[in-house]
């Protein structure tokens, strides 16, 4: 994979790790279901039916006219609200957890797949390293979480892959040894300092650079269009724009959607997608978090390598692009952060940022144990 807007210096060869963690047997798994490439038994993604995706619902409604499409968007907005989610039934959750078991409970099995492989860590920010908050400018990372991420980066190449603009997420994290992929992967930069022989400091990728003037223009228009909707918050994430409606009264959601959509009618080069209580406006180019992790793996020298185990942890629908890439590669694991059952391409789950922190801490302890034993 190459990109005319990417600059990558020569990457040093990877250091293979000798790992002897034994594989534990888990009662969650049945011998009658498919197995993963790592000899870990997994459930079929379609074994337990889930609700339709937002894109599917909206596309179907679009065939019946604008009003139907508008209703579908509002229903999708309700579905993205944790307080409106109807999937809290304990039985449904048990079934979902069986399909996407806890990454903490399956930690030994996950690490057994890392035998003789380089682990690479990819982390979303909001809802993964920090809690979801009403004001996106106050999504601060807990100091203990920062220490956990810093320690992970001492042992593994580590990247933050966020919908936020790169500068903003860096200001939250403030760890110079990480790779940062902002704007859903459309703005990637390597570490200014590093602890690994792998990788390089001269990584730069901005595939949507020519859209910057347009994004700045649309940002100003959206500010004017939404200023009288109480609670609406338009965030400029450089290569993408986010319209947060977490603090907007539900009766105003349809109005907000109409206003955002009316702005985009004059900009066919942009597309509208939805995350957790947020509209995302992005260039229509084929580039997402999945492309971002492929680019970063290539930058690290693992484009076609079988000696790498990528682990991606994220909570949002935009993280599904990365989960799909890992499934397609047949290597690595996606871990969804969610307390509620939802359709996902992730293999495993964690419930909240605290569990993410504990998983990262265990990862560091595991690596240190491996180093002591060798």
Foldseek 3Di string as FASTA:
>chain_A
DDDPQKDFDDWDDDDWFADDQDADDDPLDDPPADAFPLRHGAHDLPPDDFDDDLVVCLVVLVVVPDVSNLVSVLVNLLCLEPVNPPQPPPVSVVVLCSRFPACVVRVSVLVSSLHRFAEAEEEEQEFAQFDHDLDPLPRAGDPLSLVLQLLLQLRHAYEYFYLAAQVSVCVRNVDQAHWYQYNQNQWTFHGPDGNDSFFDRGITHHNQVVCQVVLVVLLVVLCVLCVPQPSWDWDRRRQKIKTACPVGPSVCPSVSVVSSVVSCVVPVQWDWDDKNRIIMIHGPDPDGNLNNVLSRCVSRVNNPNPRYAYEYEEAMPSCLSNLVSCVVSSHYFYEHADPGDDNGSGNHYHDGNVVSSVSSVVVSVSVVVSVVVD
